[in-house]
Amino acid sequence: MMNFELSTFNFQLSTLDVVGAAIGLVFVFSEYKASRWLWPSSLLMAAFYAVINFRIGWYANMGICLYNFAISIYGILVWRGIIQGRGRKSEVGNNASDLRPPTSDLQERSISSCPLRYWPWLIAATAALTLLFYWLLPLLGESTLPWLDGLSAALGIVGMWMLSQKYWQQWLCWLVSEPILAYIYFTTGYTASAVMYVVYEVFVILGIIRWKKESIS
């Protein structure tokens, strides 16, 4: 894909940056609505931002983009109830194909609250991943903000897993990470992406209210 750059009002805008930001806005609006379309847009956004993060040497979050691509596929299956679903299962027959419930019996997962027993593990995972990225990034020699890079990457990993499970508290991860991402993208010249994350923060607040209200537990 050709990448054109536009300089205006001392800001640098590139085709890749603008397109990635547009896909990101589709993703966050779909996430707010709890729409299935968030996963296809997540796949596209992960691909675009993997390229952007590679270009600016933000390797931790490039890795997160690859992780997001994989977990988006997992999220599609979970939300549709194909794996770990809450719907009915058919009786097991003689054929191996009978182990899979019919599509008509699948029930889409509802928004719920993350069980309390998961929180110590999620907090520990976030802390451990932050330290891991902080240690690893200087070895790569490109990250100028290893603490912020590492924390946002850790929150991204935990947040996307929680989103795949449709827990409303996944928004709390983005509540912390989006200002960090906006700051880093702005300081590295990706203005459209920085603006996207500012807008994203507004959707985060709205998402917390909406998802918590619709949560079944």
N, C-alpha and C. Protein backbone atom coordinates (compact mmCIF):
# COMPACT_ATOMS: atom_id res chain seq x y z
N MET A 1 0.84 -1.20 0.00
CA MET A 1 0.00 0.00 0.00
C MET A 1 0.87 1.24 0.00
N MET A 2 0.58 2.19 -0.94
CA MET A 2 1.36 3.43 -0.99
C MET A 2 1.00 4.30 0.20
N ASN A 3 1.98 5.00 0.73
CA ASN A 3 1.78 5.80 1.93
C ASN A 3 2.15 7.24 1.64
N PHE A 4 1.16 8.10 1.45
CA PHE A 4 1.38 9.51 1.18
C PHE A 4 1.35 10.28 2.49
N GLU A 5 2.15 11.32 2.58
CA GLU A 5 2.21 12.13 3.79
C GLU A 5 1.77 13.55 3.49
N LEU A 6 1.04 14.14 4.42
CA LEU A 6 0.56 15.50 4.30
C LEU A 6 1.00 16.27 5.53
N SER A 7 1.62 17.41 5.32
CA SER A 7 2.06 18.25 6.43
C SER A 7 1.21 19.50 6.46
N THR A 8 0.47 19.70 7.56
CA THR A 8 -0.38 20.86 7.69
C THR A 8 -0.46 21.28 9.14
N PHE A 9 -0.38 22.58 9.37
CA PHE A 9 -0.43 23.12 10.73
C PHE A 9 0.60 22.43 11.62
N ASN A 10 1.79 22.14 11.03
CA ASN A 10 2.90 21.52 11.75
C ASN A 10 2.61 20.08 12.18
N PHE A 11 1.57 19.45 11.62
CA PHE A 11 1.27 18.06 11.92
C PHE A 11 1.54 17.21 10.71
N GLN A 12 2.03 16.01 10.94
CA GLN A 12 2.29 15.07 9.87
C GLN A 12 1.17 14.04 9.81
N LEU A 13 0.54 13.94 8.65
CA LEU A 13 -0.51 12.94 8.45
C LEU A 13 -0.10 12.03 7.31
N SER A 14 -0.28 10.75 7.46
CA SER A 14 0.04 9.80 6.41
C SER A 14 -1.20 8.99 6.09
N THR A 15 -1.23 8.42 4.88
CA THR A 15 -2.37 7.61 4.47
C THR A 15 -2.59 6.45 5.42
N LEU A 16 -1.50 5.77 5.78
CA LEU A 16 -1.60 4.63 6.68
C LEU A 16 -2.15 5.03 8.03
N ASP A 17 -1.71 6.19 8.52
CA ASP A 17 -2.15 6.70 9.81
C ASP A 17 -3.65 7.00 9.79
N VAL A 18 -4.11 7.70 8.74
CA VAL A 18 -5.52 8.09 8.65
C VAL A 18 -6.42 6.88 8.49
N VAL A 19 -6.04 5.95 7.62
CA VAL A 19 -6.85 4.75 7.41
C VAL A 19 -6.92 3.92 8.69
N GLY A 20 -5.77 3.76 9.35
CA GLY A 20 -5.76 3.01 10.61
C GLY A 20 -6.64 3.65 11.66
N ALA A 21 -6.62 5.00 11.72
CA ALA A 21 -7.46 5.70 12.69
C ALA A 21 -8.94 5.52 12.37
N ALA A 22 -9.28 5.54 11.07
CA ALA A 22 -10.68 5.36 10.66
C ALA A 22 -11.17 3.97 11.06
N ILE A 23 -10.35 2.95 10.82
CA ILE A 23 -10.73 1.59 11.20
C ILE A 23 -10.88 1.50 12.72
N GLY A 24 -9.99 2.17 13.43
CA GLY A 24 -10.05 2.16 14.89
C GLY A 24 -11.34 2.77 15.42
N LEU A 25 -11.83 3.83 14.76
CA LEU A 25 -13.07 4.44 15.20
C LEU A 25 -14.26 3.52 14.93
N VAL A 26 -14.22 2.79 13.82
CA VAL A 26 -15.27 1.79 13.55
C VAL A 26 -15.24 0.71 14.64
N PHE A 27 -14.01 0.32 15.01
CA PHE A 27 -13.86 -0.71 16.05
C PHE A 27 -14.45 -0.24 17.38
N VAL A 28 -14.09 0.97 17.82
CA VAL A 28 -14.53 1.40 19.15
C VAL A 28 -16.03 1.65 19.18
N PHE A 29 -16.62 2.11 18.06
CA PHE A 29 -18.06 2.30 18.03
C PHE A 29 -18.76 0.94 18.08
N SER A 30 -18.21 -0.03 17.36
CA SER A 30 -18.77 -1.39 17.39
C SER A 30 -18.63 -2.01 18.77
N GLU A 31 -17.51 -1.71 19.43
CA GLU A 31 -17.30 -2.23 20.78
C GLU A 31 -18.31 -1.62 21.74
N TYR A 32 -18.54 -0.32 21.61
CA TYR A 32 -19.52 0.35 22.45
C TYR A 32 -20.91 -0.26 22.28
N LYS A 33 -21.26 -0.59 21.04
CA LYS A 33 -22.55 -1.18 20.75
C LYS A 33 -22.60 -2.68 21.03
N ALA A 34 -21.44 -3.25 21.40
CA ALA A 34 -21.32 -4.70 21.61
C ALA A 34 -21.72 -5.46 20.34
N SER A 35 -21.32 -4.92 19.20
CA SER A 35 -21.67 -5.50 17.90
C SER A 35 -20.61 -6.51 17.47
N ARG A 36 -21.03 -7.53 16.74
CA ARG A 36 -20.09 -8.51 16.21
C ARG A 36 -19.10 -7.89 15.23
N TRP A 37 -19.46 -6.74 14.67
CA TRP A 37 -18.58 -6.10 13.70
C TRP A 37 -17.28 -5.62 14.33
N LEU A 38 -17.22 -5.58 15.65
CA LEU A 38 -15.98 -5.13 16.27
C LEU A 38 -14.83 -6.09 15.97
N TRP A 39 -15.13 -7.39 15.79
CA TRP A 39 -14.04 -8.35 15.57
C TRP A 39 -13.45 -8.24 14.17
N PRO A 40 -14.25 -8.14 13.10
CA PRO A 40 -13.63 -7.90 11.79
C PRO A 40 -12.83 -6.60 11.75
N SER A 41 -13.36 -5.54 12.37
CA SER A 41 -12.63 -4.28 12.39
C SER A 41 -11.38 -4.40 13.25
N SER A 42 -11.44 -5.24 14.29
CA SER A 42 -10.25 -5.49 15.12
C SER A 42 -9.16 -6.19 14.32
N LEU A 43 -9.55 -7.12 13.47
CA LEU A 43 -8.57 -7.81 12.61
C LEU A 43 -7.89 -6.82 11.69
N LEU A 44 -8.66 -5.93 11.07
CA LEU A 44 -8.09 -4.94 10.17
C LEU A 44 -7.20 -3.95 10.92
N MET A 45 -7.68 -3.49 12.08
CA MET A 45 -6.91 -2.52 12.85
C MET A 45 -5.60 -3.12 13.33
N ALA A 46 -5.64 -4.38 13.73
CA ALA A 46 -4.42 -5.05 14.18
C ALA A 46 -3.38 -5.10 13.07
N ALA A 47 -3.83 -5.39 11.84
CA ALA A 47 -2.91 -5.45 10.70
C ALA A 47 -2.31 -4.08 10.40
N PHE A 48 -3.14 -3.05 10.40
CA PHE A 48 -2.64 -1.71 10.10
C PHE A 48 -1.66 -1.22 11.17
N TYR A 49 -2.03 -1.42 12.42
CA TYR A 49 -1.17 -0.88 13.48
C TYR A 49 0.08 -1.72 13.71
N ALA A 50 0.08 -2.94 13.26
CA ALA A 50 1.32 -3.71 13.29
C ALA A 50 2.35 -3.05 12.39
N VAL A 51 1.90 -2.56 11.24
CA VAL A 51 2.79 -1.86 10.30
C VAL A 51 3.24 -0.52 10.89
N ILE A 52 2.29 0.25 11.43
CA ILE A 52 2.62 1.55 12.00
C ILE A 52 3.61 1.41 13.15
N ASN A 53 3.34 0.47 14.06
CA ASN A 53 4.22 0.29 15.21
C ASN A 53 5.61 -0.19 14.80
N PHE A 54 5.68 -0.98 13.75
CA PHE A 54 6.98 -1.40 13.24
C PHE A 54 7.75 -0.21 12.69
N ARG A 55 7.05 0.68 11.99
CA ARG A 55 7.69 1.86 11.39
C ARG A 55 8.28 2.79 12.45
N ILE A 56 7.59 2.92 13.60
CA ILE A 56 8.08 3.84 14.62
C ILE A 56 8.92 3.12 15.67
N GLY A 57 9.17 1.83 15.49
CA GLY A 57 10.00 1.08 16.42
C GLY A 57 9.33 0.78 17.73
N TRP A 58 8.03 0.73 17.74
CA TRP A 58 7.26 0.47 18.98
C TRP A 58 6.95 -1.02 19.00
N TYR A 59 7.96 -1.80 19.29
CA TYR A 59 7.91 -3.23 19.06
C TYR A 59 6.98 -3.98 20.01
N ALA A 60 6.88 -3.51 21.25
CA ALA A 60 5.97 -4.19 22.19
C ALA A 60 4.55 -4.15 21.67
N ASN A 61 4.12 -2.98 21.22
CA ASN A 61 2.75 -2.86 20.74
C ASN A 61 2.57 -3.45 19.35
N MET A 62 3.64 -3.58 18.60
CA MET A 62 3.55 -4.34 17.35
C MET A 62 3.22 -5.80 17.68
N GLY A 63 3.88 -6.32 18.71
CA GLY A 63 3.58 -7.67 19.15
C GLY A 63 2.16 -7.79 19.65
N ILE A 64 1.67 -6.74 20.31
CA ILE A 64 0.29 -6.74 20.79
C ILE A 64 -0.68 -6.79 19.63
N CYS A 65 -0.34 -6.10 18.54
CA CYS A 65 -1.20 -6.13 17.35
C CYS A 65 -1.33 -7.55 16.80
N LEU A 66 -0.21 -8.27 16.79
CA LEU A 66 -0.26 -9.65 16.33
C LEU A 66 -1.09 -10.51 17.28
N TYR A 67 -0.95 -10.24 18.58
CA TYR A 67 -1.77 -10.92 19.59
C TYR A 67 -3.24 -10.57 19.38
N ASN A 68 -3.53 -9.27 19.12
CA ASN A 68 -4.91 -8.84 18.90
C ASN A 68 -5.52 -9.53 17.69
N PHE A 69 -4.72 -9.74 16.66
CA PHE A 69 -5.21 -10.42 15.47
C PHE A 69 -5.66 -11.83 15.82
N ALA A 70 -4.82 -12.53 16.60
CA ALA A 70 -5.16 -13.90 16.98
C ALA A 70 -6.36 -13.96 17.91
N ILE A 71 -6.39 -13.06 18.90
CA ILE A 71 -7.48 -13.14 19.88
C ILE A 71 -8.79 -12.64 19.29
N SER A 72 -8.72 -11.86 18.20
CA SER A 72 -9.94 -11.43 17.52
C SER A 72 -10.64 -12.64 16.91
N ILE A 73 -9.86 -13.56 16.36
CA ILE A 73 -10.44 -14.79 15.83
C ILE A 73 -11.07 -15.60 16.97
N TYR A 74 -10.35 -15.66 18.10
CA TYR A 74 -10.88 -16.35 19.28
C TYR A 74 -12.16 -15.67 19.77
N GLY A 75 -12.16 -14.33 19.77
CA GLY A 75 -13.33 -13.59 20.23
C GLY A 75 -14.56 -13.84 19.38
N ILE A 76 -14.36 -13.96 18.07
CA ILE A 76 -15.48 -14.28 17.18
C ILE A 76 -16.13 -15.59 17.59
N LEU A 77 -15.29 -16.59 17.87
CA LEU A 77 -15.79 -17.92 18.22
C LEU A 77 -16.49 -17.92 19.58
N VAL A 78 -15.93 -17.16 20.54
CA VAL A 78 -16.53 -17.11 21.88
C VAL A 78 -17.86 -16.36 21.84
N TRP A 79 -17.87 -15.19 21.21
CA TRP A 79 -19.10 -14.39 21.18
C TRP A 79 -20.23 -15.12 20.48
N ARG A 80 -19.91 -15.88 19.46
CA ARG A 80 -20.94 -16.63 18.73
C ARG A 80 -21.34 -17.91 19.46
N GLY A 81 -20.65 -18.23 20.55
CA GLY A 81 -20.99 -19.40 21.32
C GLY A 81 -20.45 -20.69 20.75
N ILE A 82 -19.53 -20.60 19.78
CA ILE A 82 -18.96 -21.81 19.18
C ILE A 82 -18.01 -22.50 20.15
N ILE A 83 -17.25 -21.71 20.92
CA ILE A 83 -16.42 -22.27 21.98
C ILE A 83 -16.72 -21.55 23.28
N GLN A 84 -16.72 -22.30 24.36
CA GLN A 84 -17.01 -21.77 25.69
C GLN A 84 -18.33 -20.99 25.71
N GLY A 85 -19.26 -21.42 24.90
CA GLY A 85 -20.53 -20.71 24.82
C GLY A 85 -21.42 -21.03 26.00
N ARG A 86 -22.48 -20.26 26.13
CA ARG A 86 -23.44 -20.48 27.20
C ARG A 86 -24.75 -21.05 26.67
N GLY A 87 -24.71 -21.44 25.41
CA GLY A 87 -25.93 -21.95 24.79
C GLY A 87 -26.08 -23.44 25.03
N ARG A 88 -27.12 -24.00 24.43
CA ARG A 88 -27.39 -25.43 24.57
C ARG A 88 -26.45 -26.23 23.70
N LYS A 89 -26.19 -27.45 24.09
CA LYS A 89 -25.37 -28.35 23.30
C LYS A 89 -26.20 -29.56 22.90
N SER A 90 -25.93 -30.02 21.70
CA SER A 90 -26.67 -31.18 21.23
C SER A 90 -26.15 -32.44 21.89
N GLU A 91 -26.96 -33.46 21.86
CA GLU A 91 -26.55 -34.74 22.42
C GLU A 91 -25.46 -35.35 21.56
N VAL A 92 -24.53 -36.02 22.18
CA VAL A 92 -23.42 -36.62 21.47
C VAL A 92 -23.89 -37.86 20.73
N GLY A 93 -23.60 -37.89 19.42
CA GLY A 93 -24.00 -39.03 18.61
C GLY A 93 -22.82 -39.92 18.32
N ASN A 94 -22.98 -40.74 17.30
CA ASN A 94 -21.93 -41.68 16.94
C ASN A 94 -20.82 -41.03 16.13
N ASN A 95 -21.12 -39.91 15.44
CA ASN A 95 -20.12 -39.27 14.60
C ASN A 95 -19.41 -38.17 15.35
N ALA A 96 -18.14 -37.92 14.93
CA ALA A 96 -17.36 -36.86 15.58
C ALA A 96 -17.99 -35.50 15.37
N SER A 97 -18.68 -35.33 14.24
CA SER A 97 -19.31 -34.04 13.95
C SER A 97 -20.43 -33.71 14.93
N ASP A 98 -20.94 -34.75 15.61
CA ASP A 98 -22.02 -34.52 16.57
C ASP A 98 -21.54 -33.81 17.83
N LEU A 99 -20.22 -33.72 18.01
CA LEU A 99 -19.69 -33.05 19.18
C LEU A 99 -19.90 -31.55 19.11
N ARG A 100 -20.16 -31.03 17.92
CA ARG A 100 -20.35 -29.60 17.76
C ARG A 100 -21.85 -29.30 17.72
N PRO A 101 -22.32 -28.33 18.54
CA PRO A 101 -23.75 -28.02 18.55
C PRO A 101 -24.18 -27.40 17.24
N PRO A 102 -25.41 -27.66 16.81
CA PRO A 102 -25.89 -27.06 15.58
C PRO A 102 -25.87 -25.54 15.68
N THR A 103 -25.67 -24.87 14.54
CA THR A 103 -25.60 -23.40 14.52
C THR A 103 -26.86 -22.79 15.09
N SER A 104 -28.01 -23.41 14.83
CA SER A 104 -29.27 -22.86 15.30
C SER A 104 -29.38 -22.90 16.82
N ASP A 105 -28.62 -23.77 17.47
CA ASP A 105 -28.68 -23.90 18.93
C ASP A 105 -27.67 -23.00 19.63
N LEU A 106 -26.76 -22.38 18.85
CA LEU A 106 -25.75 -21.54 19.47
C LEU A 106 -26.39 -20.26 20.00
N GLN A 107 -25.93 -19.84 21.14
CA GLN A 107 -26.48 -18.65 21.78
C GLN A 107 -25.35 -17.67 22.04
N GLU A 108 -25.52 -16.45 21.52
CA GLU A 108 -24.45 -15.47 21.66
C GLU A 108 -24.23 -15.10 23.12
N ARG A 109 -22.97 -14.95 23.48
CA ARG A 109 -22.61 -14.64 24.86
C ARG A 109 -23.11 -13.26 25.26
N SER A 110 -23.59 -13.16 26.49
CA SER A 110 -24.10 -11.89 27.03
C SER A 110 -22.99 -11.15 27.76
N ILE A 111 -23.17 -9.85 27.90
CA ILE A 111 -22.25 -9.04 28.70
C ILE A 111 -22.39 -9.46 30.15
N SER A 112 -21.27 -9.62 30.84
CA SER A 112 -21.31 -10.02 32.25
C SER A 112 -20.17 -9.35 33.00
N SER A 113 -20.11 -9.61 34.30
CA SER A 113 -19.06 -9.05 35.14
C SER A 113 -17.95 -10.07 35.34
N CYS A 114 -16.72 -9.61 35.32
CA CYS A 114 -15.57 -10.50 35.51
C CYS A 114 -15.60 -11.07 36.93
N PRO A 115 -15.55 -12.39 37.09
CA PRO A 115 -15.59 -13.00 38.43
C PRO A 115 -14.44 -12.49 39.31
N LEU A 116 -14.72 -12.33 40.58
CA LEU A 116 -13.72 -11.81 41.51
C LEU A 116 -12.48 -12.69 41.58
N ARG A 117 -12.64 -13.99 41.40
CA ARG A 117 -11.49 -14.89 41.51
C ARG A 117 -10.46 -14.66 40.41
N TYR A 118 -10.86 -13.97 39.32
CA TYR A 118 -9.92 -13.71 38.23
C TYR A 118 -9.04 -12.48 38.48
N TRP A 119 -9.51 -11.57 39.35
CA TRP A 119 -8.83 -10.28 39.48
C TRP A 119 -7.40 -10.37 39.97
N PRO A 120 -7.08 -11.18 40.98
CA PRO A 120 -5.67 -11.28 41.39
C PRO A 120 -4.77 -11.73 40.25
N TRP A 121 -5.25 -12.65 39.43
CA TRP A 121 -4.47 -13.13 38.30
C TRP A 121 -4.32 -12.06 37.22
N LEU A 122 -5.38 -11.32 36.98
CA LEU A 122 -5.32 -10.27 35.96
C LEU A 122 -4.38 -9.14 36.37
N ILE A 123 -4.46 -8.76 37.64
CA ILE A 123 -3.57 -7.70 38.14
C ILE A 123 -2.12 -8.18 38.12
N ALA A 124 -1.89 -9.41 38.56
CA ALA A 124 -0.53 -9.97 38.55
C ALA A 124 0.01 -10.07 37.12
N ALA A 125 -0.85 -10.48 36.19
CA ALA A 125 -0.43 -10.60 34.79
C ALA A 125 -0.07 -9.24 34.22
N THR A 126 -0.86 -8.21 34.54
CA THR A 126 -0.57 -6.86 34.06
C THR A 126 0.77 -6.36 34.58
N ALA A 127 1.02 -6.57 35.88
CA ALA A 127 2.28 -6.13 36.48
C ALA A 127 3.46 -6.89 35.89
N ALA A 128 3.31 -8.21 35.76
CA ALA A 128 4.41 -9.03 35.24
C ALA A 128 4.73 -8.68 33.79
N LEU A 129 3.70 -8.48 32.98
CA LEU A 129 3.91 -8.14 31.58
C LEU A 129 4.54 -6.76 31.43
N THR A 130 4.13 -5.82 32.28
CA THR A 130 4.74 -4.48 32.25
C THR A 130 6.23 -4.55 32.53
N LEU A 131 6.60 -5.30 33.57
CA LEU A 131 8.01 -5.46 33.90
C LEU A 131 8.77 -6.19 32.80
N LEU A 132 8.13 -7.19 32.21
CA LEU A 132 8.77 -7.93 31.13
C LEU A 132 9.06 -7.02 29.94
N PHE A 133 8.06 -6.24 29.54
CA PHE A 133 8.26 -5.33 28.42
C PHE A 133 9.28 -4.24 28.75
N TYR A 134 9.27 -3.75 29.99
CA TYR A 134 10.23 -2.73 30.40
C TYR A 134 11.66 -3.26 30.31
N TRP A 135 11.84 -4.52 30.65
CA TRP A 135 13.16 -5.14 30.56
C TRP A 135 13.54 -5.44 29.12
N LEU A 136 12.56 -5.86 28.32
CA LEU A 136 12.84 -6.30 26.96
C LEU A 136 13.06 -5.16 25.98
N LEU A 137 12.29 -4.08 26.12
CA LEU A 137 12.32 -3.01 25.13
C LEU A 137 13.69 -2.35 24.98
N PRO A 138 14.43 -2.05 26.06
CA PRO A 138 15.77 -1.49 25.88
C PRO A 138 16.70 -2.41 25.11
N LEU A 139 16.48 -3.72 25.22
CA LEU A 139 17.30 -4.67 24.48
C LEU A 139 17.05 -4.55 22.98
N LEU A 140 15.81 -4.16 22.61
CA LEU A 140 15.49 -3.95 21.21
C LEU A 140 16.07 -2.64 20.68
N GLY A 141 16.33 -1.71 21.62
CA GLY A 141 17.04 -0.49 21.26
C GLY A 141 16.23 0.58 20.58
N GLU A 142 14.90 0.49 20.55
CA GLU A 142 14.12 1.47 19.81
C GLU A 142 13.12 2.24 20.68
N SER A 143 12.61 1.66 21.74
CA SER A 143 11.59 2.32 22.54
C SER A 143 12.19 3.43 23.38
N THR A 144 11.62 4.63 23.27
CA THR A 144 12.09 5.75 24.07
C THR A 144 11.28 5.92 25.36
N LEU A 145 10.17 5.21 25.46
CA LEU A 145 9.32 5.28 26.64
C LEU A 145 8.96 3.87 27.10
N PRO A 146 9.94 3.12 27.59
CA PRO A 146 9.69 1.70 27.90
C PRO A 146 8.63 1.47 28.95
N TRP A 147 8.54 2.33 29.97
CA TRP A 147 7.53 2.13 30.99
C TRP A 147 6.12 2.29 30.41
N LEU A 148 5.91 3.39 29.68
CA LEU A 148 4.60 3.64 29.09
C LEU A 148 4.28 2.62 28.01
N ASP A 149 5.28 2.29 27.20
CA ASP A 149 5.12 1.29 26.16
C ASP A 149 4.74 -0.05 26.77
N GLY A 150 5.46 -0.42 27.82
CA GLY A 150 5.22 -1.71 28.47
C GLY A 150 3.88 -1.78 29.16
N LEU A 151 3.49 -0.70 29.85
CA LEU A 151 2.21 -0.69 30.56
C LEU A 151 1.04 -0.75 29.58
N SER A 152 1.11 0.05 28.51
CA SER A 152 0.02 0.04 27.53
C SER A 152 -0.08 -1.31 26.84
N ALA A 153 1.08 -1.94 26.59
CA ALA A 153 1.07 -3.27 25.97
C ALA A 153 0.45 -4.31 26.90
N ALA A 154 0.81 -4.24 28.19
CA ALA A 154 0.26 -5.18 29.17
C ALA A 154 -1.24 -5.02 29.31
N LEU A 155 -1.70 -3.78 29.38
CA LEU A 155 -3.13 -3.52 29.48
C LEU A 155 -3.86 -3.98 28.22
N GLY A 156 -3.18 -3.86 27.08
CA GLY A 156 -3.78 -4.32 25.83
C GLY A 156 -4.01 -5.82 25.82
N ILE A 157 -3.03 -6.57 26.33
CA ILE A 157 -3.16 -8.02 26.38
C ILE A 157 -4.31 -8.43 27.29
N VAL A 158 -4.33 -7.87 28.49
CA VAL A 158 -5.37 -8.22 29.47
C VAL A 158 -6.74 -7.74 29.00
N GLY A 159 -6.79 -6.51 28.47
CA GLY A 159 -8.06 -5.95 28.03
C GLY A 159 -8.69 -6.72 26.89
N MET A 160 -7.89 -7.15 25.92
CA MET A 160 -8.45 -7.88 24.80
C MET A 160 -8.97 -9.26 25.23
N TRP A 161 -8.29 -9.88 26.20
CA TRP A 161 -8.80 -11.16 26.70
C TRP A 161 -10.15 -10.96 27.38
N MET A 162 -10.23 -9.90 28.20
CA MET A 162 -11.49 -9.62 28.89
C MET A 162 -12.60 -9.28 27.90
N LEU A 163 -12.24 -8.57 26.81
CA LEU A 163 -13.22 -8.25 25.78
C LEU A 163 -13.72 -9.53 25.11
N SER A 164 -12.80 -10.47 24.86
CA SER A 164 -13.20 -11.73 24.22
C SER A 164 -14.20 -12.50 25.09
N GLN A 165 -14.12 -12.30 26.42
CA GLN A 165 -15.05 -12.95 27.34
C GLN A 165 -16.32 -12.13 27.58
N LYS A 166 -16.32 -10.93 27.00
CA LYS A 166 -17.46 -10.00 27.10
C LYS A 166 -17.70 -9.52 28.53
N TYR A 167 -16.60 -9.27 29.26
CA TYR A 167 -16.70 -8.70 30.60
C TYR A 167 -16.74 -7.18 30.48
N TRP A 168 -17.65 -6.53 31.18
CA TRP A 168 -17.75 -5.09 31.05
C TRP A 168 -16.52 -4.37 31.60
N GLN A 169 -15.82 -5.00 32.53
CA GLN A 169 -14.64 -4.34 33.12
C GLN A 169 -13.46 -4.22 32.14
N GLN A 170 -13.59 -4.82 30.93
CA GLN A 170 -12.52 -4.65 29.95
C GLN A 170 -12.30 -3.17 29.64
N TRP A 171 -13.36 -2.36 29.79
CA TRP A 171 -13.23 -0.93 29.53
C TRP A 171 -12.26 -0.25 30.50
N LEU A 172 -12.07 -0.81 31.69
CA LEU A 172 -11.16 -0.20 32.66
C LEU A 172 -9.71 -0.23 32.16
N CYS A 173 -9.38 -1.27 31.41
CA CYS A 173 -8.03 -1.35 30.84
C CYS A 173 -7.80 -0.21 29.85
N TRP A 174 -8.82 0.04 29.01
CA TRP A 174 -8.69 1.11 28.02
C TRP A 174 -8.75 2.49 28.67
N LEU A 175 -9.44 2.59 29.80
CA LEU A 175 -9.51 3.87 30.51
C LEU A 175 -8.12 4.35 30.89
N VAL A 176 -7.24 3.42 31.22
CA VAL A 176 -5.87 3.76 31.59
C VAL A 176 -4.96 3.84 30.38
N SER A 177 -5.13 2.91 29.43
CA SER A 177 -4.17 2.81 28.33
C SER A 177 -4.36 3.85 27.23
N GLU A 178 -5.61 4.31 26.99
CA GLU A 178 -5.84 5.22 25.87
C GLU A 178 -5.11 6.55 25.99
N PRO A 179 -5.08 7.21 27.17
CA PRO A 179 -4.29 8.44 27.28
C PRO A 179 -2.80 8.20 27.02
N ILE A 180 -2.30 7.04 27.45
CA ILE A 180 -0.90 6.70 27.20
C ILE A 180 -0.65 6.56 25.70
N LEU A 181 -1.53 5.84 25.02
CA LEU A 181 -1.38 5.64 23.58
C LEU A 181 -1.51 6.95 22.82
N ALA A 182 -2.46 7.80 23.23
CA ALA A 182 -2.62 9.10 22.57
C ALA A 182 -1.35 9.93 22.70
N TYR A 183 -0.76 9.93 23.88
CA TYR A 183 0.46 10.70 24.11
C TYR A 183 1.62 10.20 23.25
N ILE A 184 1.80 8.88 23.21
CA ILE A 184 2.93 8.33 22.47
C ILE A 184 2.75 8.51 20.97
N TYR A 185 1.54 8.28 20.46
CA TYR A 185 1.32 8.48 19.02
C TYR A 185 1.50 9.94 18.64
N PHE A 186 1.07 10.87 19.51
CA PHE A 186 1.23 12.29 19.21
C PHE A 186 2.70 12.68 19.18
N THR A 187 3.46 12.21 20.16
CA THR A 187 4.87 12.58 20.23
C THR A 187 5.70 11.92 19.13
N THR A 188 5.18 10.86 18.52
CA THR A 188 5.90 10.21 17.42
C THR A 188 5.39 10.65 16.05
N GLY A 189 4.48 11.63 16.03
CA GLY A 189 4.06 12.22 14.77
C GLY A 189 2.84 11.62 14.12
N TYR A 190 2.20 10.64 14.76
CA TYR A 190 1.01 10.02 14.18
C TYR A 190 -0.23 10.69 14.77
N THR A 191 -0.49 11.91 14.24
CA THR A 191 -1.52 12.76 14.82
C THR A 191 -2.91 12.17 14.71
N ALA A 192 -3.25 11.61 13.54
CA ALA A 192 -4.60 11.05 13.35
C ALA A 192 -4.86 9.93 14.35
N SER A 193 -3.85 9.10 14.59
CA SER A 193 -4.00 8.02 15.56
C SER A 193 -4.14 8.56 16.97
N ALA A 194 -3.39 9.63 17.28
CA ALA A 194 -3.48 10.24 18.60
C ALA A 194 -4.89 10.79 18.84
N VAL A 195 -5.44 11.46 17.82
CA VAL A 195 -6.80 11.99 17.93
C VAL A 195 -7.80 10.85 18.11
N MET A 196 -7.56 9.74 17.37
CA MET A 196 -8.45 8.59 17.50
C MET A 196 -8.50 8.10 18.94
N TYR A 197 -7.36 8.05 19.60
CA TYR A 197 -7.34 7.55 20.97
C TYR A 197 -7.95 8.53 21.96
N VAL A 198 -7.92 9.82 21.64
CA VAL A 198 -8.63 10.80 22.47
C VAL A 198 -10.13 10.56 22.35
N VAL A 199 -10.61 10.37 21.12
CA VAL A 199 -12.03 10.07 20.89
C VAL A 199 -12.39 8.74 21.56
N TYR A 200 -11.47 7.78 21.46
CA TYR A 200 -11.66 6.47 22.07
C TYR A 200 -11.92 6.61 23.57
N GLU A 201 -11.22 7.52 24.22
CA GLU A 201 -11.39 7.70 25.66
C GLU A 201 -12.82 8.13 26.00
N VAL A 202 -13.41 8.94 25.13
CA VAL A 202 -14.80 9.34 25.33
C VAL A 202 -15.72 8.11 25.26
N PHE A 203 -15.47 7.25 24.25
CA PHE A 203 -16.25 6.03 24.11
C PHE A 203 -16.02 5.09 25.29
N VAL A 204 -14.83 5.12 25.86
CA VAL A 204 -14.54 4.27 27.02
C VAL A 204 -15.48 4.61 28.17
N ILE A 205 -15.61 5.89 28.44
CA ILE A 205 -16.49 6.33 29.54
C ILE A 205 -17.94 5.94 29.24
N LEU A 206 -18.38 6.17 28.01
CA LEU A 206 -19.73 5.79 27.62
C LEU A 206 -19.90 4.28 27.65
N GLY A 207 -18.84 3.56 27.25
CA GLY A 207 -18.90 2.10 27.24
C GLY A 207 -19.03 1.51 28.63
N ILE A 208 -18.32 2.09 29.59
CA ILE A 208 -18.42 1.62 30.97
C ILE A 208 -19.86 1.72 31.45
N ILE A 209 -20.49 2.86 31.18
CA ILE A 209 -21.87 3.08 31.62
C ILE A 209 -22.83 2.10 30.94
N ARG A 210 -22.67 1.97 29.60
CA ARG A 210 -23.59 1.12 28.84
C ARG A 210 -23.43 -0.36 29.19
N TRP A 211 -22.18 -0.84 29.17
CA TRP A 211 -21.94 -2.26 29.40
C TRP A 211 -22.28 -2.67 30.82
N LYS A 212 -21.97 -1.82 31.80
CA LYS A 212 -22.29 -2.16 33.19
C LYS A 212 -23.80 -2.25 33.37
N LYS A 213 -24.52 -1.35 32.71
CA LYS A 213 -25.98 -1.35 32.80
C LYS A 213 -26.57 -2.62 32.18
N GLU A 214 -25.96 -3.11 31.09
CA GLU A 214 -26.49 -4.27 30.38
C GLU A 214 -25.93 -5.60 30.90
N SER A 215 -25.00 -5.52 31.85
CA SER A 215 -24.39 -6.74 32.37
C SER A 215 -25.43 -7.60 33.08
N ILE A 216 -25.36 -8.91 32.85
CA ILE A 216 -26.32 -9.83 33.48
C ILE A 216 -25.89 -10.25 34.88
N SER A 217 -24.65 -9.88 35.27
CA SER A 217 -24.20 -10.26 36.61
C SER A 217 -23.23 -9.21 37.14
